[in-house]
Amino acid sequence: MASGPISKNARREGAKVLTSRWGGVISMKSVFENGKLRHVAYCQKTGNTARKPKDLM
């Protein structure tokens, strides 16, 4: 896990590499649906998505 809190912008830019419980890299994606911009965490190995990166760890 990451040490200390990481801001949403830092996660979006890729300042730190976060790994999921399946061993894949977690990246943040911006998704525009229903007229709203949402940020979702995405595991590159399995394709799982979650609201927060912590949910994939």
PDB file of N, CA and C in Angstrom:
ATOM      1  N   MET A   1       0.830  -1.190   0.000  1.00  0.00           N
ATOM      2  CA  MET A   1       0.000   0.000   0.000  1.00  0.00           C
ATOM      3  C   MET A   1       0.872   1.251   0.000  1.00  0.00           C
ATOM      4  N   ALA A   2       0.279   2.353  -0.313  1.00  0.00           N
ATOM      5  CA  ALA A   2       0.990   3.618  -0.336  1.00  0.00           C
ATOM      6  C   ALA A   2       1.123   4.163   1.076  1.00  0.00           C
ATOM      7  N   SER A   3       2.212   4.854   1.308  1.00  0.00           N
ATOM      8  CA  SER A   3       2.408   5.433   2.636  1.00  0.00           C
ATOM      9  C   SER A   3       1.854   6.846   2.653  1.00  0.00           C
ATOM     10  N   GLY A   4       0.850   7.094   3.459  1.00  0.00           N
ATOM     11  CA  GLY A   4       0.251   8.412   3.578  1.00  0.00           C
ATOM     12  C   GLY A   4      -0.802   8.646   2.514  1.00  0.00           C
ATOM     13  N   PRO A   5      -1.615   9.657   2.727  1.00  0.00           N
ATOM     14  CA  PRO A   5      -2.667   9.967   1.757  1.00  0.00           C
ATOM     15  C   PRO A   5      -2.091  10.555   0.467  1.00  0.00           C
ATOM     16  N   ILE A   6      -2.733  10.211  -0.642  1.00  0.00           N
ATOM     17  CA  ILE A   6      -2.348  10.725  -1.952  1.00  0.00           C
ATOM     18  C   ILE A   6      -3.541  11.470  -2.512  1.00  0.00           C
ATOM     19  N   SER A   7      -3.315  12.673  -3.004  1.00  0.00           N
ATOM     20  CA  SER A   7      -4.421  13.460  -3.528  1.00  0.00           C
ATOM     21  C   SER A   7      -4.944  12.847  -4.818  1.00  0.00           C
ATOM     22  N   LYS A   8      -6.175  13.206  -5.173  1.00  0.00           N
ATOM     23  CA  LYS A   8      -6.793  12.679  -6.393  1.00  0.00           C
ATOM     24  C   LYS A   8      -6.008  13.122  -7.625  1.00  0.00           C
ATOM     25  N   ASN A   9      -5.497  14.339  -7.605  1.00  0.00           N
ATOM     26  CA  ASN A   9      -4.734  14.828  -8.750  1.00  0.00           C
ATOM     27  C   ASN A   9      -3.418  14.075  -8.897  1.00  0.00           C
ATOM     28  N   ALA A  10      -2.780  13.732  -7.788  1.00  0.00           N
ATOM     29  CA  ALA A  10      -1.529  12.988  -7.856  1.00  0.00           C
ATOM     30  C   ALA A  10      -1.772  11.593  -8.404  1.00  0.00           C
ATOM     31  N   ARG A  11      -2.885  10.980  -8.027  1.00  0.00           N
ATOM     32  CA  ARG A  11      -3.204   9.661  -8.563  1.00  0.00           C
ATOM     33  C   ARG A  11      -3.508   9.748 -10.046  1.00  0.00           C
ATOM     34  N   ARG A  12      -4.164  10.788 -10.458  1.00  0.00           N
ATOM     35  CA  ARG A  12      -4.548  10.974 -11.859  1.00  0.00           C
ATOM     36  C   ARG A  12      -3.312  11.146 -12.729  1.00  0.00           C
ATOM     37  N   GLU A  13      -2.329  11.864 -12.237  1.00  0.00           N
ATOM     38  CA  GLU A  13      -1.123  12.136 -13.010  1.00  0.00           C
ATOM     39  C   GLU A  13      -0.147  10.971 -12.985  1.00  0.00           C
ATOM     40  N   GLY A  14      -0.284  10.041 -12.048  1.00  0.00           N
ATOM     41  CA  GLY A  14       0.629   8.908 -11.982  1.00  0.00           C
ATOM     42  C   GLY A  14       1.890   9.192 -11.201  1.00  0.00           C
ATOM     43  N   ALA A  15       1.797  10.007 -10.122  1.00  0.00           N
ATOM     44  CA  ALA A  15       2.967  10.332  -9.325  1.00  0.00           C
ATOM     45  C   ALA A  15       3.514   9.106  -8.597  1.00  0.00           C
ATOM     46  N   LYS A  16       2.642   8.222  -8.132  1.00  0.00           N
ATOM     47  CA  LYS A  16       3.058   6.991  -7.466  1.00  0.00           C
ATOM     48  C   LYS A  16       2.407   5.813  -8.163  1.00  0.00           C
ATOM     49  N   VAL A  17       3.103   4.694  -8.169  1.00  0.00           N
ATOM     50  CA  VAL A  17       2.555   3.485  -8.772  1.00  0.00           C
ATOM     51  C   VAL A  17       1.855   2.689  -7.682  1.00  0.00           C
ATOM     52  N   LEU A  18       0.559   2.467  -7.854  1.00  0.00           N
ATOM     53  CA  LEU A  18      -0.215   1.674  -6.915  1.00  0.00           C
ATOM     54  C   LEU A  18      -0.478   0.311  -7.535  1.00  0.00           C
ATOM     55  N   THR A  19      -0.401  -0.744  -6.724  1.00  0.00           N
ATOM     56  CA  THR A  19      -0.643  -2.083  -7.244  1.00  0.00           C
ATOM     57  C   THR A  19      -1.889  -2.666  -6.598  1.00  0.00           C
ATOM     58  N   SER A  20      -2.633  -3.428  -7.367  1.00  0.00           N
ATOM     59  CA  SER A  20      -3.862  -4.047  -6.876  1.00  0.00           C
ATOM     60  C   SER A  20      -3.543  -5.372  -6.205  1.00  0.00           C
ATOM     61  N   ARG A  21      -4.558  -5.983  -5.603  1.00  0.00           N
ATOM     62  CA  ARG A  21      -4.353  -7.274  -4.944  1.00  0.00           C
ATOM     63  C   ARG A  21      -4.093  -8.388  -5.938  1.00  0.00           C
ATOM     64  N   TRP A  22      -4.383  -8.163  -7.222  1.00  0.00           N
ATOM     65  CA  TRP A  22      -4.129  -9.150  -8.262  1.00  0.00           C
ATOM     66  C   TRP A  22      -2.770  -8.945  -8.929  1.00  0.00           C
ATOM     67  N   GLY A  23      -2.041  -7.931  -8.513  1.00  0.00           N
ATOM     68  CA  GLY A  23      -0.709  -7.699  -9.044  1.00  0.00           C
ATOM     69  C   GLY A  23      -0.639  -6.724 -10.203  1.00  0.00           C
ATOM     70  N   GLY A  24      -1.759  -6.152 -10.580  1.00  0.00           N
ATOM     71  CA  GLY A  24      -1.767  -5.186 -11.677  1.00  0.00           C
ATOM     72  C   GLY A  24      -1.566  -3.767 -11.188  1.00  0.00           C
ATOM     73  N   VAL A  25      -1.257  -2.879 -12.089  1.00  0.00           N
ATOM     74  CA  VAL A  25      -1.072  -1.467 -11.778  1.00  0.00           C
ATOM     75  C   VAL A  25      -2.432  -0.776 -11.761  1.00  0.00           C
ATOM     76  N   ILE A  26      -2.676   0.038 -10.731  1.00  0.00           N
ATOM     77  CA  ILE A  26      -3.932   0.778 -10.633  1.00  0.00           C
ATOM     78  C   ILE A  26      -3.720   2.158 -11.244  1.00  0.00           C
ATOM     79  N   SER A  27      -4.595   2.522 -12.177  1.00  0.00           N
ATOM     80  CA  SER A  27      -4.549   3.856 -12.766  1.00  0.00           C
ATOM     81  C   SER A  27      -5.918   4.498 -12.606  1.00  0.00           C
ATOM     82  N   MET A  28      -5.955   5.804 -12.599  1.00  0.00           N
ATOM     83  CA  MET A  28      -7.198   6.548 -12.486  1.00  0.00           C
ATOM     84  C   MET A  28      -7.635   6.967 -13.877  1.00  0.00           C
ATOM     85  N   LYS A  29      -8.924   6.820 -14.140  1.00  0.00           N
ATOM     86  CA  LYS A  29      -9.493   7.245 -15.417  1.00  0.00           C
ATOM     87  C   LYS A  29     -10.628   8.215 -15.148  1.00  0.00           C
ATOM     88  N   SER A  30     -10.809   9.175 -16.036  1.00  0.00           N
ATOM     89  CA  SER A  30     -11.933  10.083 -15.965  1.00  0.00           C
ATOM     90  C   SER A  30     -12.990   9.614 -16.951  1.00  0.00           C
ATOM     91  N   VAL A  31     -14.212   9.431 -16.450  1.00  0.00           N
ATOM     92  CA  VAL A  31     -15.304   8.931 -17.276  1.00  0.00           C
ATOM     93  C   VAL A  31     -16.423   9.969 -17.273  1.00  0.00           C
ATOM     94  N   PHE A  32     -16.894  10.330 -18.460  1.00  0.00           N
ATOM     95  CA  PHE A  32     -17.980  11.294 -18.587  1.00  0.00           C
ATOM     96  C   PHE A  32     -19.249  10.539 -18.933  1.00  0.00           C
ATOM     97  N   GLU A  33     -20.177  10.458 -17.972  1.00  0.00           N
ATOM     98  CA  GLU A  33     -21.452   9.798 -18.241  1.00  0.00           C
ATOM     99  C   GLU A  33     -22.561  10.522 -17.496  1.00  0.00           C
ATOM    100  N   ASN A  34     -23.713  10.580 -18.109  1.00  0.00           N
ATOM    101  CA  ASN A  34     -24.892  11.267 -17.570  1.00  0.00           C
ATOM    102  C   ASN A  34     -24.620  12.737 -17.261  1.00  0.00           C
ATOM    103  N   GLY A  35     -23.785  13.366 -18.073  1.00  0.00           N
ATOM    104  CA  GLY A  35     -23.496  14.782 -17.896  1.00  0.00           C
ATOM    105  C   GLY A  35     -22.573  15.098 -16.741  1.00  0.00           C
ATOM    106  N   LYS A  36     -21.922  14.090 -16.172  1.00  0.00           N
ATOM    107  CA  LYS A  36     -21.020  14.306 -15.038  1.00  0.00           C
ATOM    108  C   LYS A  36     -19.665  13.670 -15.322  1.00  0.00           C
ATOM    109  N   LEU A  37     -18.629  14.295 -14.796  1.00  0.00           N
ATOM    110  CA  LEU A  37     -17.272  13.773 -14.925  1.00  0.00           C
ATOM    111  C   LEU A  37     -16.929  13.027 -13.643  1.00  0.00           C
ATOM    112  N   ARG A  38     -16.672  11.709 -13.770  1.00  0.00           N
ATOM    113  CA  ARG A  38     -16.356  10.880 -12.617  1.00  0.00           C
ATOM    114  C   ARG A  38     -14.952  10.322 -12.769  1.00  0.00           C
ATOM    115  N   HIS A  39     -14.274  10.132 -11.645  1.00  0.00           N
ATOM    116  CA  HIS A  39     -12.962   9.501 -11.638  1.00  0.00           C
ATOM    117  C   HIS A  39     -13.125   8.085 -11.099  1.00  0.00           C
ATOM    118  N   VAL A  40     -12.584   7.116 -11.792  1.00  0.00           N
ATOM    119  CA  VAL A  40     -12.661   5.730 -11.350  1.00  0.00           C
ATOM    120  C   VAL A  40     -11.262   5.136 -11.366  1.00  0.00           C
ATOM    121  N   ALA A  41     -11.025   4.209 -10.431  1.00  0.00           N
ATOM    122  CA  ALA A  41      -9.776   3.468 -10.394  1.00  0.00           C
ATOM    123  C   ALA A  41      -9.917   2.252 -11.288  1.00  0.00           C
ATOM    124  N   TYR A  42      -8.861   1.912 -12.005  1.00  0.00           N
ATOM    125  CA  TYR A  42      -8.903   0.842 -13.001  1.00  0.00           C
ATOM    126  C   TYR A  42      -7.658  -0.025 -12.855  1.00  0.00           C
ATOM    127  N   CYS A  43      -7.852  -1.333 -12.690  1.00  0.00           N
ATOM    128  CA  CYS A  43      -6.738  -2.281 -12.637  1.00  0.00           C
ATOM    129  C   CYS A  43      -6.398  -2.684 -14.066  1.00  0.00           C
ATOM    130  N   GLN A  44      -5.147  -2.480 -14.460  1.00  0.00           N
ATOM    131  CA  GLN A  44      -4.766  -2.755 -15.839  1.00  0.00           C
ATOM    132  C   GLN A  44      -4.624  -4.237 -16.132  1.00  0.00           C
ATOM    133  N   LYS A  45      -4.405  -5.058 -15.111  1.00  0.00           N
ATOM    134  CA  LYS A  45      -4.232  -6.498 -15.334  1.00  0.00           C
ATOM    135  C   LYS A  45      -5.568  -7.214 -15.494  1.00  0.00           C
ATOM    136  N   THR A  46      -6.532  -6.930 -14.589  1.00  0.00           N
ATOM    137  CA  THR A  46      -7.799  -7.649 -14.615  1.00  0.00           C
ATOM    138  C   THR A  46      -8.943  -6.851 -15.233  1.00  0.00           C
ATOM    139  N   GLY A  47      -8.807  -5.536 -15.307  1.00  0.00           N
ATOM    140  CA  GLY A  47      -9.872  -4.712 -15.859  1.00  0.00           C
ATOM    141  C   GLY A  47     -10.940  -4.332 -14.845  1.00  0.00           C
ATOM    142  N   ASN A  48     -10.730  -4.660 -13.569  1.00  0.00           N
ATOM    143  CA  ASN A  48     -11.693  -4.294 -12.532  1.00  0.00           C
ATOM    144  C   ASN A  48     -11.690  -2.790 -12.309  1.00  0.00           C
ATOM    145  N   THR A  49     -12.868  -2.246 -12.015  1.00  0.00           N
ATOM    146  CA  THR A  49     -12.965  -0.823 -11.715  1.00  0.00           C
ATOM    147  C   THR A  49     -13.588  -0.635 -10.345  1.00  0.00           C
ATOM    148  N   ALA A  50     -13.253   0.480  -9.703  1.00  0.00           N
ATOM    149  CA  ALA A  50     -13.799   0.817  -8.395  1.00  0.00           C
ATOM    150  C   ALA A  50     -13.813   2.329  -8.264  1.00  0.00           C
ATOM    151  N   ARG A  51     -14.537   2.804  -7.268  1.00  0.00           N
ATOM    152  CA  ARG A  51     -14.640   4.234  -7.054  1.00  0.00           C
ATOM    153  C   ARG A  51     -13.331   4.811  -6.519  1.00  0.00           C
ATOM    154  N   LYS A  52     -12.665   4.054  -5.650  1.00  0.00           N
ATOM    155  CA  LYS A  52     -11.410   4.491  -5.042  1.00  0.00           C
ATOM    156  C   LYS A  52     -10.336   3.435  -5.280  1.00  0.00           C
ATOM    157  N   PRO A  53      -9.068   3.824  -5.392  1.00  0.00           N
ATOM    158  CA  PRO A  53      -8.000   2.847  -5.556  1.00  0.00           C
ATOM    159  C   PRO A  53      -7.882   1.907  -4.358  1.00  0.00           C
ATOM    160  N   LYS A  54      -8.253   2.374  -3.186  1.00  0.00           N
ATOM    161  CA  LYS A  54      -8.163   1.561  -1.978  1.00  0.00           C
ATOM    162  C   LYS A  54      -9.071   0.337  -2.072  1.00  0.00           C
ATOM    163  N   ASP A  55     -10.153   0.434  -2.822  1.00  0.00           N
ATOM    164  CA  ASP A  55     -11.071  -0.699  -2.983  1.00  0.00           C
ATOM    165  C   ASP A  55     -10.444  -1.831  -3.804  1.00  0.00           C
ATOM    166  N   LEU A  56      -9.438  -1.536  -4.578  1.00  0.00           N
ATOM    167  CA  LEU A  56      -8.774  -2.556  -5.400  1.00  0.00           C
ATOM    168  C   LEU A  56      -7.523  -3.124  -4.736  1.00  0.00           C
ATOM    169  N   MET A  57      -7.124  -2.562  -3.620  1.00  0.00           N
ATOM    170  CA  MET A  57      -5.911  -3.022  -2.922  1.00  0.00           C
ATOM    171  C   MET A  57      -6.223  -4.167  -1.995  1.00  0.00           C
TER     172      MET A  57
END
